[in-house]
Amino acid sequence: MNGKQVKDIVLGIIAVVAPDADLTNVKSDVRLRDQLDMDSMDFLDIVMELRKRYKIEVPKEDYPKLATLDSCVSYLGPKFATVAVV
């Protein structure tokens, strides 16, 4: 899975958990929570959706690795390689 696909998955999940978020100009290297005004519950919902949809577990100590779209690609890319994405 390439980086754009991972970004699209993450943005798709954000669109569900934070439907009021404007995803049109999300920068890849800026913290998602800062750009989209998400709170900690929104972030936890993203982690839960990753587990529910893709069986990807993100331990609490790895949460900072999901701060930006670029860091999501770095962290989640290898994990998506081991699961079937539909």
C-alpha atoms as a PDB file:
ATOM      1  CA  MET A   1       0.000   0.000   0.000  1.00  0.00           C
ATOM      2  CA  ASN A   2       1.389   3.387  -0.926  1.00  0.00           C
ATOM      3  CA  GLY A   3       1.441   6.591   1.103  1.00  0.00           C
ATOM      4  CA  LYS A   4      -1.487   8.181  -0.724  1.00  0.00           C
ATOM      5  CA  GLN A   5      -3.656   5.157   0.031  1.00  0.00           C
ATOM      6  CA  VAL A   6      -2.776   5.319   3.734  1.00  0.00           C
ATOM      7  CA  LYS A   7      -3.529   9.058   3.787  1.00  0.00           C
ATOM      8  CA  ASP A   8      -6.867   8.443   2.056  1.00  0.00           C
ATOM      9  CA  ILE A   9      -7.786   5.799   4.636  1.00  0.00           C
ATOM     10  CA  VAL A  10      -6.872   8.086   7.542  1.00  0.00           C
ATOM     11  CA  LEU A  11      -8.763  11.024   6.023  1.00  0.00           C
ATOM     12  CA  GLY A  12     -11.747   8.755   5.371  1.00  0.00           C
ATOM     13  CA  ILE A  13     -11.811   7.733   9.013  1.00  0.00           C
ATOM     14  CA  ILE A  14     -11.487  11.364  10.111  1.00  0.00           C
ATOM     15  CA  ALA A  15     -14.428  12.274   7.874  1.00  0.00           C
ATOM     16  CA  VAL A  16     -16.527   9.737   9.805  1.00  0.00           C
ATOM     17  CA  VAL A  17     -15.411  10.571  13.348  1.00  0.00           C
ATOM     18  CA  ALA A  18     -15.236  14.353  12.817  1.00  0.00           C
ATOM     19  CA  PRO A  19     -17.770  15.084  10.081  1.00  0.00           C
ATOM     20  CA  ASP A  20     -17.490  18.850  10.545  1.00  0.00           C
ATOM     21  CA  ALA A  21     -13.734  18.856   9.878  1.00  0.00           C
ATOM     22  CA  ASP A  22     -12.648  20.594   6.678  1.00  0.00           C
ATOM     23  CA  LEU A  23     -10.381  18.056   4.982  1.00  0.00           C
ATOM     24  CA  THR A  24      -9.800  20.031   1.778  1.00  0.00           C
ATOM     25  CA  ASN A  25      -6.418  21.539   2.683  1.00  0.00           C
ATOM     26  CA  VAL A  26      -4.920  19.173   5.242  1.00  0.00           C
ATOM     27  CA  LYS A  27      -1.149  19.538   5.356  1.00  0.00           C
ATOM     28  CA  SER A  28       0.826  16.311   5.602  1.00  0.00           C
ATOM     29  CA  ASP A  29       3.430  17.622   8.037  1.00  0.00           C
ATOM     30  CA  VAL A  30       1.232  19.536  10.523  1.00  0.00           C
ATOM     31  CA  ARG A  31      -0.424  17.894  13.539  1.00  0.00           C
ATOM     32  CA  LEU A  32      -3.892  16.690  12.588  1.00  0.00           C
ATOM     33  CA  ARG A  33      -5.389  17.687  15.930  1.00  0.00           C
ATOM     34  CA  ASP A  34      -4.169  21.263  15.449  1.00  0.00           C
ATOM     35  CA  GLN A  35      -5.348  21.555  11.844  1.00  0.00           C
ATOM     36  CA  LEU A  36      -8.743  19.981  12.327  1.00  0.00           C
ATOM     37  CA  ASP A  37      -9.496  21.134  15.870  1.00  0.00           C
ATOM     38  CA  MET A  38     -10.010  17.549  17.014  1.00  0.00           C
ATOM     39  CA  ASP A  39     -10.129  16.661  20.678  1.00  0.00           C
ATOM     40  CA  SER A  40      -8.742  13.582  22.401  1.00  0.00           C
ATOM     41  CA  MET A  41     -12.028  11.693  21.969  1.00  0.00           C
ATOM     42  CA  ASP A  42     -11.934  12.253  18.205  1.00  0.00           C
ATOM     43  CA  PHE A  43      -8.398  10.916  18.174  1.00  0.00           C
ATOM     44  CA  LEU A  44      -9.384   7.847  20.178  1.00  0.00           C
ATOM     45  CA  ASP A  45     -12.254   7.279  17.752  1.00  0.00           C
ATOM     46  CA  ILE A  46      -9.724   7.228  14.899  1.00  0.00           C
ATOM     47  CA  VAL A  47      -7.669   4.599  16.725  1.00  0.00           C
ATOM     48  CA  MET A  48     -10.830   2.567  17.392  1.00  0.00           C
ATOM     49  CA  GLU A  49     -11.851   2.728  13.723  1.00  0.00           C
ATOM     50  CA  LEU A  50      -8.413   1.494  12.672  1.00  0.00           C
ATOM     51  CA  ARG A  51      -8.891  -1.478  14.975  1.00  0.00           C
ATOM     52  CA  LYS A  52     -12.492  -2.119  13.946  1.00  0.00           C
ATOM     53  CA  ARG A  53     -12.053  -1.753  10.182  1.00  0.00           C
ATOM     54  CA  TYR A  54      -8.528  -3.045   9.661  1.00  0.00           C
ATOM     55  CA  LYS A  55      -7.644  -4.997  12.836  1.00  0.00           C
ATOM     56  CA  ILE A  56      -4.716  -2.629  13.408  1.00  0.00           C
ATOM     57  CA  GLU A  57      -3.809  -2.204  17.055  1.00  0.00           C
ATOM     58  CA  VAL A  58      -2.159   1.055  18.085  1.00  0.00           C
ATOM     59  CA  PRO A  59      -0.761   0.909  21.618  1.00  0.00           C
ATOM     60  CA  LYS A  60      -1.179   4.047  23.702  1.00  0.00           C
ATOM     61  CA  GLU A  61       2.560   4.704  23.681  1.00  0.00           C
ATOM     62  CA  ASP A  62       2.439   4.869  19.858  1.00  0.00           C
ATOM     63  CA  TYR A  63      -0.311   7.517  19.671  1.00  0.00           C
ATOM     64  CA  PRO A  64       2.244  10.297  19.019  1.00  0.00           C
ATOM     65  CA  LYS A  65       3.253   8.403  15.866  1.00  0.00           C
ATOM     66  CA  LEU A  66      -0.170   9.286  14.414  1.00  0.00           C
ATOM     67  CA  ALA A  67       0.215  13.041  14.887  1.00  0.00           C
ATOM     68  CA  THR A  68       0.499  14.044  11.207  1.00  0.00           C
ATOM     69  CA  LEU A  69      -0.527  12.460   7.925  1.00  0.00           C
ATOM     70  CA  ASP A  70       3.137  11.834   7.127  1.00  0.00           C
ATOM     71  CA  SER A  71       3.717  10.122  10.468  1.00  0.00           C
ATOM     72  CA  CYS A  72       0.540   8.067   9.927  1.00  0.00           C
ATOM     73  CA  VAL A  73       1.986   6.845   6.622  1.00  0.00           C
ATOM     74  CA  SER A  74       5.294   5.924   8.276  1.00  0.00           C
ATOM     75  CA  TYR A  75       3.624   4.114  11.167  1.00  0.00           C
ATOM     76  CA  LEU A  76       0.573   2.567   9.485  1.00  0.00           C
ATOM     77  CA  GLY A  77       2.062   1.707   6.084  1.00  0.00           C
ATOM     78  CA  PRO A  78       3.883  -1.408   7.314  1.00  0.00           C
ATOM     79  CA  LYS A  79       0.852  -2.430   9.383  1.00  0.00           C
ATOM     80  CA  PHE A  80      -1.464  -2.197   6.369  1.00  0.00           C
ATOM     81  CA  ALA A  81       0.948  -4.427   4.472  1.00  0.00           C
ATOM     82  CA  THR A  82       0.031  -7.257   6.848  1.00  0.00           C
ATOM     83  CA  VAL A  83      -3.776  -6.896   6.675  1.00  0.00           C
ATOM     84  CA  ALA A  84      -6.296  -7.276   3.873  1.00  0.00           C
ATOM     85  CA  VAL A  85      -7.702  -3.866   2.976  1.00  0.00           C
ATOM     86  CA  VAL A  86     -11.073  -3.823   1.259  1.00  0.00           C
END
